[in-house]
Amino acid sequence: MPDAADIFSSAADEAACHLPASSLLDAQTEVDSGARMLRFRLLRPVAQRGIVRRLALAWFLSLSLCLLSVGWPAAESWLSLSLPWQAEVLPLVLAPGMLLAILWTLWFGIALGGALALLSALFAAWVMHFSLPFILLSGATHLLALLILYLGYRAVPMRPDLSSGDNLLFFLMMVTVSATFASLDVLVGVYASQSGYAQLLSLWLGRWLGMLANFALLLPLLWLYGRRIERALDRLPWLTRRRVRLTYSLWTTALLLLALLLYVFLAVRLHGAYVAQAFVHYDRIGWPTVALSALQVLQIIHIVLSVLVVFIAYFFYQILQHWTGTLKRTASQLSLLNRKLAELALTDELTGLYNRRHFMEMARRELANAERHGMPCSLLLIDIDHFKQVNDHYGHLAGDQVLRILGRLLPVLLRPSDLAARYGGEELVVLLRHTPLDEALEVAERIRQAIAAQAYPDLSASLRVTVSLGVAESRVAEPDLDWLIERADRALYRAKDGGRNRIECDPGAWAAGSVCSGSSG
């Protein structure tokens, strides 16, 4: 079966007999580019399927490593640490499942990272023979931590590549908050069972520090390879779809506030229960020990709570800064668009001159002002000679280019106070403020000569365009704009009937044989 290149090539060979020799090279170039584009469009789904297959293989490999680290007895001794803390020991556990889940969440989304964390947590709780409620609780807190991390990086335009101080500070903030909320399962478990208050502080601190250690292990990896991985993912927008949205900001804010309220509630209730249990045994351990233990627990709760509040406030500041900047940029873009719309409403898109409607409004005001001050105004009506032949011989795009060039040339030949507009088709109109007829004829002659000398190298070296002009001066007793245009139009028709490329003026303004006699090149 012939491929796309053969189909395009055969079509080109069949069409070559109908093309002139000068067009064969361009046709072959278009055929080659068309074949390459078709191949790309046909092969792109294949490439995407290949990437998805490799991604699925990497995810199942990550899951296997997580389950192996939990189910293999030797791995428990490698990943479990004991930190001395006062008279107790903090059980600090490194969780490879959480470590890999963080990476998948940061780079590929909550679905893949959350599934990895949930399956690892459920398997670990099952291996350790935890009760079903605690298994579900452990999976839920892991998902909560990853969801906060995922939404946080989509609520503000930060990247987890640690390439700048802001990115590093934001990452530290997010991992601290996520680690705190991931350790809520210990607080909830103790609160639900109403037991284990004596070991509560050591268990929770060990859990929290273990989560922080998992995040800390990511710092060298993100520092060394984060930017390279981010650049690679930027070339796959269909895979990551990482965009900052207002909904993500709102969801993250709500989730952080709810988690913070849950943490405060559990901390206060558990601290009260801890103190109450200590008071029961005060005769055995003594009042100073009870007071010191309660104060230590309260201090740690306050420190963690203060860190959470500071980091959440910084997160809100980042959200506010981002969306304030977005609103400012949007307002600036709207202002620019409004200016462009105003220009489009007042100007002709092709020539850049005023359009007819705006010219008529401004010209009427100028004539009324001239009448009040007793000053003359003159109007030039300009018509491009044989413009239809330019369109027929060089094409309508060439005709548009001629109008565009004349639209740039005409303001150069006029004063800033004069009004120039496209009157319609190939006709231009100019209103000269406070200008009598003799000076208007000089301006018209300057315009005629400049247009006749204008070259069009992009179209044809031999192309030259001339214009015919009709000139009329306003009368103080007759300031009507329509009547002024009518007189200039009659003069223009005489210039065209007289051979074109010439200037004629309104005969009613001056006696025959005066300066109103026509001039031509």
Protein backbone atom coordinates (compact mmCIF):
# COMPACT_ATOMS: atom_id res chain seq x y z
CA MET A 1 0.00 0.00 0.00
CA PRO A 2 1.55 3.37 -0.94
CA ASP A 3 2.44 5.68 1.92
CA ALA A 4 1.65 9.37 2.27
CA ALA A 5 4.82 10.50 0.49
CA ASP A 6 4.00 8.38 -2.59
CA ILE A 7 0.48 9.79 -2.73
CA PHE A 8 1.75 13.36 -2.55
CA SER A 9 4.51 12.71 -5.09
CA SER A 10 2.16 11.12 -7.63
CA ALA A 11 -0.23 14.03 -7.24
CA ALA A 12 2.61 16.45 -7.84
CA ASP A 13 3.76 14.59 -10.98
CA GLU A 14 0.24 14.64 -12.36
CA ALA A 15 -0.11 18.37 -11.69
CA ALA A 16 3.35 19.25 -13.04
CA CYS A 17 2.21 19.04 -16.64
CA HIS A 18 -0.24 21.89 -15.96
CA LEU A 19 2.27 24.12 -14.12
CA PRO A 20 4.73 26.56 -15.65
CA ALA A 21 8.42 25.74 -15.22
CA SER A 22 8.95 28.51 -12.65
CA SER A 23 6.35 26.95 -10.31
CA LEU A 24 7.67 23.37 -10.26
CA LEU A 25 10.21 24.02 -7.47
CA ASP A 26 7.63 25.69 -5.25
CA ALA A 27 5.16 22.87 -5.89
CA GLN A 28 7.74 20.22 -4.97
CA THR A 29 8.60 22.10 -1.76
CA GLU A 30 4.93 22.22 -0.78
CA VAL A 31 4.61 18.49 -1.52
CA ASP A 32 7.58 17.65 0.70
CA SER A 33 6.32 19.83 3.56
CA GLY A 34 2.83 18.37 3.21
CA ALA A 35 4.19 14.83 3.37
CA ARG A 36 6.25 15.64 6.47
CA MET A 37 3.25 17.25 8.17
CA LEU A 38 1.04 14.25 7.37
CA ARG A 39 3.66 11.84 8.70
CA PHE A 40 3.90 13.90 11.90
CA ARG A 41 0.15 13.91 12.42
CA LEU A 42 -0.06 10.17 11.75
CA LEU A 43 2.85 9.29 14.02
CA ARG A 44 1.99 11.63 16.91
CA PRO A 45 -0.65 9.28 18.43
CA VAL A 46 1.85 6.43 18.09
CA ALA A 47 4.47 8.46 19.97
CA GLN A 48 1.94 9.34 22.66
CA ARG A 49 0.98 5.70 23.09
CA GLY A 50 4.68 4.82 23.45
CA ILE A 51 5.17 7.44 26.14
CA VAL A 52 2.05 6.27 27.98
CA ARG A 53 3.30 2.65 27.89
CA ARG A 54 6.69 3.66 29.30
CA LEU A 55 4.98 5.79 31.94
CA ALA A 56 2.74 2.89 32.99
CA LEU A 57 5.78 0.59 33.21
CA ALA A 58 7.60 3.13 35.41
CA TRP A 59 4.56 3.48 37.67
CA PHE A 60 4.22 -0.29 38.19
CA LEU A 61 7.95 -0.48 38.87
CA SER A 62 7.57 2.26 41.49
CA LEU A 63 4.66 0.37 43.07
CA SER A 64 6.73 -2.81 43.19
CA LEU A 65 9.57 -1.00 44.96
CA CYS A 66 7.13 0.47 47.48
CA LEU A 67 5.53 -2.89 48.28
CA LEU A 68 8.94 -4.55 48.49
CA SER A 69 10.20 -1.95 50.97
CA VAL A 70 7.16 -2.61 53.16
CA GLY A 71 6.87 -6.40 52.87
CA TRP A 72 10.55 -7.35 52.92
CA PRO A 73 11.65 -7.88 56.56
CA ALA A 74 15.21 -6.69 55.93
CA ALA A 75 13.95 -3.40 54.55
CA GLU A 76 12.27 -2.55 57.85
CA SER A 77 15.60 -2.46 59.68
CA TRP A 78 17.14 -0.28 56.97
CA LEU A 79 14.32 2.22 56.89
CA SER A 80 13.57 2.45 60.63
CA LEU A 81 15.54 4.86 62.78
CA SER A 82 15.37 5.69 66.46
CA LEU A 83 16.13 9.20 67.64
CA PRO A 84 16.74 9.86 71.35
CA TRP A 85 14.51 12.61 72.69
CA GLN A 86 14.76 13.47 76.39
CA ALA A 87 13.86 10.24 78.22
CA GLU A 88 12.05 8.74 75.24
CA VAL A 89 12.87 7.41 71.78
CA LEU A 90 11.28 8.78 68.63
CA PRO A 91 10.46 6.04 66.10
CA LEU A 92 11.36 7.65 62.77
CA VAL A 93 10.41 5.63 59.69
CA LEU A 94 11.45 6.42 56.11
CA ALA A 95 8.71 5.53 53.64
CA PRO A 96 9.90 4.91 50.05
CA GLY A 97 6.27 4.70 49.00
CA MET A 98 5.63 8.25 50.15
CA LEU A 99 8.89 9.39 48.58
CA LEU A 100 7.99 8.05 45.14
CA ALA A 101 4.39 9.20 45.51
CA ILE A 102 5.61 12.77 46.06
CA LEU A 103 7.63 12.67 42.83
CA TRP A 104 4.72 11.27 40.84
CA THR A 105 2.38 13.88 42.30
CA LEU A 106 4.72 16.78 41.57
CA TRP A 107 5.38 15.80 37.96
CA PHE A 108 2.40 13.75 36.78
CA GLY A 109 -0.56 14.66 38.96
CA ILE A 110 -2.54 13.51 41.96
CA ALA A 111 -4.09 10.49 40.24
CA LEU A 112 -0.84 8.56 39.77
CA GLY A 113 0.87 9.85 42.92
CA GLY A 114 -2.21 9.41 45.10
CA ALA A 115 -2.84 5.87 43.88
CA LEU A 116 0.78 4.96 44.62
CA ALA A 117 0.64 6.43 48.14
CA LEU A 118 -2.75 4.91 48.91
CA LEU A 119 -1.79 1.40 47.82
CA SER A 120 1.53 1.59 49.70
CA ALA A 121 -0.15 2.84 52.89
CA LEU A 122 -2.87 0.20 52.73
CA PHE A 123 -0.36 -2.58 52.15
CA ALA A 124 1.88 -1.36 54.98
CA ALA A 125 -1.04 -1.17 57.41
CA TRP A 126 -2.17 -4.64 56.38
CA VAL A 127 1.33 -6.12 56.84
CA MET A 128 1.52 -4.59 60.33
CA HIS A 129 -1.92 -6.02 61.21
CA PHE A 130 -3.55 -2.66 61.88
CA SER A 131 -7.29 -2.43 62.23
CA LEU A 132 -9.39 -1.57 59.19
CA PRO A 133 -10.33 1.93 60.47
CA PHE A 134 -6.68 2.83 60.98
CA ILE A 135 -5.79 1.42 57.56
CA LEU A 136 -8.38 3.67 55.96
CA LEU A 137 -7.28 6.58 58.15
CA SER A 138 -3.63 6.16 57.17
CA GLY A 139 -4.51 6.11 53.47
CA ALA A 140 -6.74 9.17 53.86
CA THR A 141 -4.06 11.26 55.60
CA HIS A 142 -1.50 10.33 52.93
CA LEU A 143 -3.95 11.39 50.25
CA LEU A 144 -4.64 14.64 52.12
CA ALA A 145 -0.93 15.47 52.25
CA LEU A 146 -0.43 14.76 48.53
CA LEU A 147 -3.60 16.63 47.58
CA ILE A 148 -2.37 19.73 49.42
CA LEU A 149 0.97 19.41 47.66
CA TYR A 150 -0.67 18.93 44.26
CA LEU A 151 -3.13 21.80 44.59
CA GLY A 152 -0.50 24.08 46.08
CA TYR A 153 1.68 23.81 42.97
CA ARG A 154 -1.33 24.51 40.80
CA ALA A 155 -2.63 27.38 42.87
CA VAL A 156 0.48 29.54 42.29
CA PRO A 157 2.97 29.56 39.37
CA MET A 158 5.80 27.82 41.24
CA ARG A 159 7.86 24.92 39.90
CA PRO A 160 9.39 22.07 41.94
CA ASP A 161 12.83 22.42 40.31
CA LEU A 162 14.38 24.48 43.15
CA SER A 163 16.07 26.70 40.55
CA SER A 164 15.41 29.86 42.54
CA GLY A 165 15.06 31.00 46.12
CA ASP A 166 11.31 31.46 45.77
CA ASN A 167 10.90 27.91 44.44
CA LEU A 168 13.00 26.51 47.29
CA LEU A 169 11.11 28.45 49.96
CA PHE A 170 7.77 27.43 48.51
CA PHE A 171 8.84 23.78 48.39
CA LEU A 172 9.95 23.85 52.04
CA MET A 173 6.65 25.43 53.00
CA MET A 174 4.60 22.87 51.10
CA VAL A 175 6.51 19.85 52.44
CA THR A 176 6.25 21.10 56.03
CA VAL A 177 2.50 21.58 55.74
CA SER A 178 2.05 18.26 53.92
CA ALA A 179 4.16 16.38 56.46
CA THR A 180 2.15 17.87 59.33
CA PHE A 181 -1.16 16.84 57.84
CA ALA A 182 0.17 13.41 56.81
CA SER A 183 0.94 12.72 60.48
CA LEU A 184 -2.63 13.43 61.52
CA ASP A 185 -3.37 9.70 61.44
CA VAL A 186 -1.53 9.27 64.75
CA LEU A 187 -3.54 12.04 66.41
CA VAL A 188 -6.82 10.76 65.03
CA GLY A 189 -6.00 7.17 65.99
CA VAL A 190 -5.16 8.06 69.57
CA TYR A 191 -8.20 10.32 69.85
CA ALA A 192 -10.50 7.60 68.50
CA SER A 193 -9.10 4.87 70.76
CA GLN A 194 -8.95 7.12 73.87
CA SER A 195 -5.66 5.46 74.86
CA GLY A 196 -1.95 5.80 74.41
CA TYR A 197 -1.75 9.38 75.65
CA ALA A 198 1.62 8.80 77.29
CA GLN A 199 3.28 7.81 74.01
CA LEU A 200 1.30 10.33 71.95
CA LEU A 201 3.97 12.99 71.73
CA SER A 202 6.80 10.63 70.81
CA LEU A 203 4.67 8.79 68.26
CA TRP A 204 3.47 11.97 66.59
CA LEU A 205 6.90 13.63 66.54
CA GLY A 206 8.43 10.48 65.08
CA ARG A 207 5.74 10.34 62.43
CA TRP A 208 6.11 14.03 61.58
CA LEU A 209 9.91 13.93 61.43
CA GLY A 210 9.75 10.78 59.32
CA MET A 211 7.52 12.55 56.82
CA LEU A 212 9.87 15.55 56.79
CA ALA A 213 12.82 13.21 56.23
CA ASN A 214 11.05 11.72 53.19
CA PHE A 215 10.64 15.19 51.73
CA ALA A 216 14.21 16.17 52.66
CA LEU A 217 15.57 13.23 50.67
CA LEU A 218 14.05 14.81 47.57
CA LEU A 219 16.06 18.04 47.86
CA PRO A 220 19.27 16.77 46.14
CA LEU A 221 17.26 15.09 43.38
CA LEU A 222 15.14 18.16 42.68
CA TRP A 223 18.15 20.46 42.92
CA LEU A 224 20.24 18.47 40.42
CA TYR A 225 17.66 17.15 37.97
CA GLY A 226 14.48 19.15 38.60
CA ARG A 227 15.05 21.77 35.91
CA ARG A 228 15.96 19.12 33.31
CA ILE A 229 12.85 17.10 34.10
CA GLU A 230 10.67 20.23 34.02
CA ARG A 231 12.00 21.14 30.56
CA ALA A 232 11.25 17.63 29.33
CA LEU A 233 7.70 17.79 30.71
CA ASP A 234 7.15 21.21 29.12
CA ARG A 235 7.41 19.46 25.74
CA LEU A 236 4.57 17.12 26.75
CA PRO A 237 1.69 19.46 27.68
CA TRP A 238 -0.87 16.80 26.77
CA LEU A 239 0.61 14.64 29.56
CA THR A 240 0.97 17.06 32.49
CA ARG A 241 -1.60 19.83 31.70
CA ARG A 242 -0.07 22.04 34.40
CA ARG A 243 -2.00 25.30 34.55
CA VAL A 244 -2.61 27.74 37.37
CA ARG A 245 -6.32 28.19 37.89
CA LEU A 246 -8.45 30.15 40.30
CA THR A 247 -10.41 27.01 41.23
CA TYR A 248 -7.17 25.34 42.36
CA SER A 249 -6.41 28.36 44.56
CA LEU A 250 -9.86 28.26 46.13
CA TRP A 251 -9.78 24.49 46.71
CA THR A 252 -6.29 24.67 48.22
CA THR A 253 -7.30 27.51 50.52
CA ALA A 254 -10.40 25.64 51.71
CA LEU A 255 -8.45 22.40 52.20
CA LEU A 256 -5.69 24.10 54.18
CA LEU A 257 -8.16 25.84 56.46
CA LEU A 258 -10.12 22.65 57.11
CA ALA A 259 -6.95 20.66 57.81
CA LEU A 260 -5.68 23.42 60.11
CA LEU A 261 -8.97 23.43 62.04
CA LEU A 262 -8.79 19.63 62.34
CA TYR A 263 -5.23 19.83 63.63
CA VAL A 264 -6.13 22.51 66.21
CA PHE A 265 -9.16 20.52 67.35
CA LEU A 266 -7.20 17.28 67.79
CA ALA A 267 -4.24 19.00 69.43
CA VAL A 268 -6.40 20.79 72.00
CA ARG A 269 -8.53 17.74 72.82
CA LEU A 270 -5.57 15.39 73.04
CA HIS A 271 -3.59 17.84 75.15
CA GLY A 272 -6.51 18.06 77.53
CA ALA A 273 -6.80 14.27 77.68
CA TYR A 274 -3.04 13.97 78.24
CA VAL A 275 -3.13 16.41 81.13
CA ALA A 276 -6.21 14.75 82.63
CA GLN A 277 -4.54 11.34 82.53
CA ALA A 278 -1.39 12.77 84.08
CA PHE A 279 -3.40 14.30 86.93
CA VAL A 280 -4.86 10.90 87.73
CA HIS A 281 -1.36 9.60 88.44
CA TYR A 282 0.01 12.76 90.03
CA ASP A 283 0.51 11.00 93.40
CA ARG A 284 2.91 8.59 91.68
CA ILE A 285 4.81 10.93 89.31
CA GLY A 286 4.51 14.19 91.23
CA TRP A 287 3.09 17.60 90.44
CA PRO A 288 6.27 19.09 88.89
CA THR A 289 6.51 16.23 86.42
CA VAL A 290 2.85 16.61 85.44
CA ALA A 291 3.21 20.34 84.92
CA LEU A 292 6.48 19.95 82.97
CA SER A 293 5.02 17.28 80.68
CA ALA A 294 1.92 19.33 79.99
CA LEU A 295 4.04 22.40 79.26
CA GLN A 296 6.30 20.47 76.86
CA VAL A 297 3.36 19.10 74.91
CA LEU A 298 1.77 22.53 74.76
CA GLN A 299 5.01 24.15 73.56
CA ILE A 300 5.44 21.66 70.74
CA ILE A 301 1.82 22.12 69.68
CA HIS A 302 2.29 25.88 69.67
CA ILE A 303 5.54 25.68 67.69
CA VAL A 304 4.03 23.43 65.03
CA LEU A 305 0.89 25.54 64.92
CA SER A 306 2.92 28.74 64.56
CA VAL A 307 4.94 27.24 61.71
CA LEU A 308 1.74 26.15 60.00
CA VAL A 309 0.17 29.58 60.35
CA VAL A 310 3.28 31.33 59.00
CA PHE A 311 3.58 28.99 56.03
CA ILE A 312 -0.12 29.15 55.23
CA ALA A 313 0.06 32.95 55.43
CA TYR A 314 2.99 32.87 52.99
CA PHE A 315 0.98 30.61 50.70
CA PHE A 316 -1.96 33.03 50.80
CA TYR A 317 0.46 35.86 50.03
CA GLN A 318 1.71 33.98 46.97
CA ILE A 319 -1.85 33.38 45.81
CA LEU A 320 -2.77 37.03 46.35
CA GLN A 321 0.38 38.21 44.59
CA HIS A 322 -0.22 35.93 41.62
CA TRP A 323 -3.85 36.82 41.09
CA THR A 324 -3.22 40.53 41.73
CA GLY A 325 -0.56 40.44 39.03
CA THR A 326 -2.92 38.49 36.79
CA LEU A 327 -5.66 41.07 37.30
CA LYS A 328 -3.22 43.90 36.56
CA ARG A 329 -2.03 42.20 33.39
CA THR A 330 -5.62 41.49 32.37
CA ALA A 331 -6.59 45.12 33.00
CA SER A 332 -3.60 46.28 30.96
CA GLN A 333 -4.53 43.94 28.12
CA LEU A 334 -8.15 45.11 28.25
CA SER A 335 -7.00 48.72 28.14
CA LEU A 336 -4.80 47.95 25.15
CA LEU A 337 -7.65 46.13 23.43
CA ASN A 338 -9.98 49.04 24.11
CA ARG A 339 -7.48 51.41 22.55
CA LYS A 340 -7.16 49.14 19.55
CA LEU A 341 -10.94 48.90 19.25
CA ALA A 342 -11.17 52.69 19.42
CA GLU A 343 -8.53 52.95 16.69
CA LEU A 344 -10.38 50.40 14.56
CA ALA A 345 -13.59 52.36 15.03
CA LEU A 346 -11.90 55.59 13.88
CA THR A 347 -9.37 54.44 11.29
CA ASP A 348 -9.32 52.51 8.06
CA GLU A 349 -7.66 49.12 8.59
CA LEU A 350 -5.88 49.08 5.23
CA THR A 351 -4.45 52.60 4.95
CA GLY A 352 -4.23 53.56 8.62
CA LEU A 353 -5.99 56.86 7.85
CA TYR A 354 -9.26 57.96 9.39
CA ASN A 355 -12.34 56.21 8.09
CA ARG A 356 -15.09 58.12 6.33
CA ARG A 357 -17.47 58.31 9.29
CA HIS A 358 -14.90 59.74 11.67
CA PHE A 359 -13.60 62.15 9.03
CA MET A 360 -17.07 63.53 8.43
CA GLU A 361 -17.58 64.12 12.16
CA MET A 362 -14.26 65.90 12.64
CA ALA A 363 -14.51 67.86 9.39
CA ARG A 364 -17.90 69.27 10.38
CA ARG A 365 -16.48 70.47 13.69
CA GLU A 366 -13.48 72.03 11.94
CA LEU A 367 -15.69 73.86 9.43
CA ALA A 368 -17.92 75.19 12.20
CA ASN A 369 -14.87 76.38 14.12
CA ALA A 370 -13.43 78.01 10.98
CA GLU A 371 -16.71 79.83 10.37
CA ARG A 372 -16.71 81.25 13.91
CA HIS A 373 -13.20 82.61 13.45
CA GLY A 374 -13.67 83.65 9.83
CA MET A 375 -10.86 81.37 8.59
CA PRO A 376 -10.88 79.46 5.29
CA CYS A 377 -10.50 75.69 4.94
CA SER A 378 -9.75 73.70 1.78
CA LEU A 379 -10.65 70.15 0.87
CA LEU A 380 -8.70 67.82 -1.42
CA LEU A 381 -10.36 64.84 -3.05
CA ILE A 382 -7.76 62.38 -4.38
CA ASP A 383 -8.42 59.51 -6.80
CA ILE A 384 -5.82 56.93 -7.90
CA ASP A 385 -5.60 56.85 -11.69
CA HIS A 386 -6.41 53.53 -13.41
CA PHE A 387 -6.49 51.66 -10.11
CA LYS A 388 -8.54 48.87 -11.64
CA GLN A 389 -5.70 48.15 -14.06
CA VAL A 390 -3.34 47.77 -11.10
CA ASN A 391 -5.68 45.20 -9.57
CA ASP A 392 -6.16 43.38 -12.86
CA HIS A 393 -2.48 43.28 -13.79
CA TYR A 394 -0.76 42.83 -10.41
CA GLY A 395 -3.60 41.37 -8.33
CA HIS A 396 -5.81 42.71 -5.58
CA LEU A 397 -3.12 42.14 -2.96
CA ALA A 398 -0.87 44.47 -4.92
CA GLY A 399 -3.68 47.03 -5.03
CA ASP A 400 -4.01 46.76 -1.25
CA GLN A 401 -0.26 47.28 -0.92
CA VAL A 402 -0.46 50.45 -3.04
CA LEU A 403 -3.21 51.82 -0.80
CA ARG A 404 -1.21 50.89 2.27
CA ILE A 405 1.88 52.72 1.02
CA LEU A 406 -0.10 55.81 0.06
CA GLY A 407 -1.74 55.75 3.49
CA ARG A 408 1.72 55.97 5.08
CA LEU A 409 2.96 58.60 2.60
CA LEU A 410 0.07 61.06 2.81
CA PRO A 411 0.45 62.09 6.52
CA VAL A 412 4.13 62.84 5.89
CA LEU A 413 3.14 65.48 3.32
CA LEU A 414 0.60 67.16 5.60
CA ARG A 415 0.60 69.10 8.84
CA PRO A 416 -0.37 67.36 12.08
CA SER A 417 -3.49 69.52 12.28
CA ASP A 418 -4.77 68.44 8.83
CA LEU A 419 -7.26 65.60 8.47
CA ALA A 420 -6.66 62.74 6.03
CA ALA A 421 -9.03 59.81 5.47
CA ARG A 422 -9.95 57.06 3.07
CA TYR A 423 -13.15 58.28 1.48
CA GLY A 424 -14.01 55.03 -0.28
CA GLY A 425 -12.41 52.52 -2.65
CA GLU A 426 -9.34 54.19 -4.19
CA GLU A 427 -10.42 57.71 -3.13
CA LEU A 428 -8.71 59.69 -0.36
CA VAL A 429 -9.84 62.97 1.16
CA VAL A 430 -7.90 65.70 2.98
CA LEU A 431 -9.16 68.73 4.93
CA LEU A 432 -6.57 71.52 5.26
CA ARG A 433 -7.31 73.68 8.30
CA HIS A 434 -7.04 77.46 7.93
CA THR A 435 -5.74 77.09 4.38
CA PRO A 436 -6.87 79.26 1.44
CA LEU A 437 -7.14 77.89 -2.06
CA ASP A 438 -3.77 79.05 -3.38
CA GLU A 439 -1.91 77.31 -0.54
CA ALA A 440 -4.13 74.26 -0.96
CA LEU A 441 -3.09 74.00 -4.60
CA GLU A 442 0.56 74.03 -3.55
CA VAL A 443 -0.11 71.20 -1.11
CA ALA A 444 -2.01 69.29 -3.80
CA GLU A 445 0.87 69.66 -6.23
CA ARG A 446 3.31 68.40 -3.61
CA ILE A 447 1.11 65.37 -3.01
CA ARG A 448 0.74 64.67 -6.74
CA GLN A 449 4.50 64.80 -7.36
CA ALA A 450 5.36 62.66 -4.32
CA ILE A 451 2.88 59.95 -5.29
CA ALA A 452 4.06 59.94 -8.91
CA ALA A 453 7.66 59.47 -7.74
CA GLN A 454 6.83 56.73 -5.24
CA ALA A 455 8.38 53.35 -6.13
CA TYR A 456 6.99 49.91 -5.29
CA PRO A 457 10.00 47.56 -5.35
CA ASP A 458 8.15 44.76 -3.58
CA LEU A 459 5.54 44.68 -6.37
CA SER A 460 7.29 45.69 -9.58
CA ALA A 461 10.22 47.94 -10.44
CA SER A 462 8.25 49.45 -13.31
CA LEU A 463 5.05 50.13 -11.37
CA ARG A 464 4.19 53.79 -10.98
CA VAL A 465 0.93 55.22 -9.69
CA THR A 466 -0.48 58.68 -10.33
CA VAL A 467 -3.42 60.53 -8.85
CA SER A 468 -5.94 63.14 -9.89
CA LEU A 469 -6.97 65.79 -7.38
CA GLY A 470 -9.98 68.05 -6.98
CA VAL A 471 -9.64 71.07 -4.70
CA ALA A 472 -12.35 73.28 -3.20
CA GLU A 473 -12.24 76.08 -0.64
CA SER A 474 -14.96 76.50 1.94
CA ARG A 475 -17.05 79.64 1.84
CA VAL A 476 -17.85 81.46 5.02
CA ALA A 477 -21.45 81.79 4.00
CA GLU A 478 -21.64 78.11 3.04
CA PRO A 479 -19.94 75.97 5.71
CA ASP A 480 -21.83 72.85 4.69
CA LEU A 481 -19.43 69.88 4.38
CA ASP A 482 -21.53 67.92 1.87
CA TRP A 483 -21.62 70.92 -0.47
CA LEU A 484 -17.84 71.37 -0.12
CA ILE A 485 -17.27 67.70 -1.03
CA GLU A 486 -19.65 68.04 -3.97
CA ARG A 487 -17.62 70.97 -5.36
CA ALA A 488 -14.32 69.14 -4.88
CA ASP A 489 -15.82 66.08 -6.58
CA ARG A 490 -16.80 68.10 -9.63
CA ALA A 491 -13.26 69.45 -9.83
CA LEU A 492 -11.92 65.89 -9.54
CA TYR A 493 -14.05 64.73 -12.47
CA ARG A 494 -12.66 67.57 -14.58
CA ALA A 495 -9.12 66.49 -13.67
CA LYS A 496 -9.88 62.95 -14.74
CA ASP A 497 -11.56 64.09 -17.95
CA GLY A 498 -8.59 66.35 -18.66
CA GLY A 499 -6.14 63.45 -18.89
CA ARG A 500 -5.58 62.43 -15.23
CA ASN A 501 -2.45 63.04 -13.15
CA ARG A 502 -3.52 66.64 -12.73
CA ILE A 503 -5.18 69.08 -10.33
CA GLU A 504 -8.41 70.99 -10.81
CA CYS A 505 -10.19 73.30 -8.39
CA ASP A 506 -13.73 74.55 -7.88
CA PRO A 507 -14.39 77.20 -10.58
CA GLY A 508 -16.97 79.00 -8.48
CA ALA A 509 -14.42 80.21 -6.01
CA TRP A 510 -12.11 82.06 -8.36
CA ALA A 511 -12.36 83.75 -11.75
CA ALA A 512 -11.33 81.77 -14.78
CA GLY A 513 -7.66 82.11 -15.65
CA SER A 514 -6.59 82.65 -12.05
CA VAL A 515 -4.65 80.24 -9.87
CA CYS A 516 -7.47 77.73 -10.31
CA SER A 517 -6.17 76.59 -13.68
CA GLY A 518 -5.30 72.90 -13.70
CA SER A 519 -1.76 71.58 -13.42
CA SER A 520 -0.43 68.22 -14.51
CA GLY A 521 2.76 66.29 -14.68
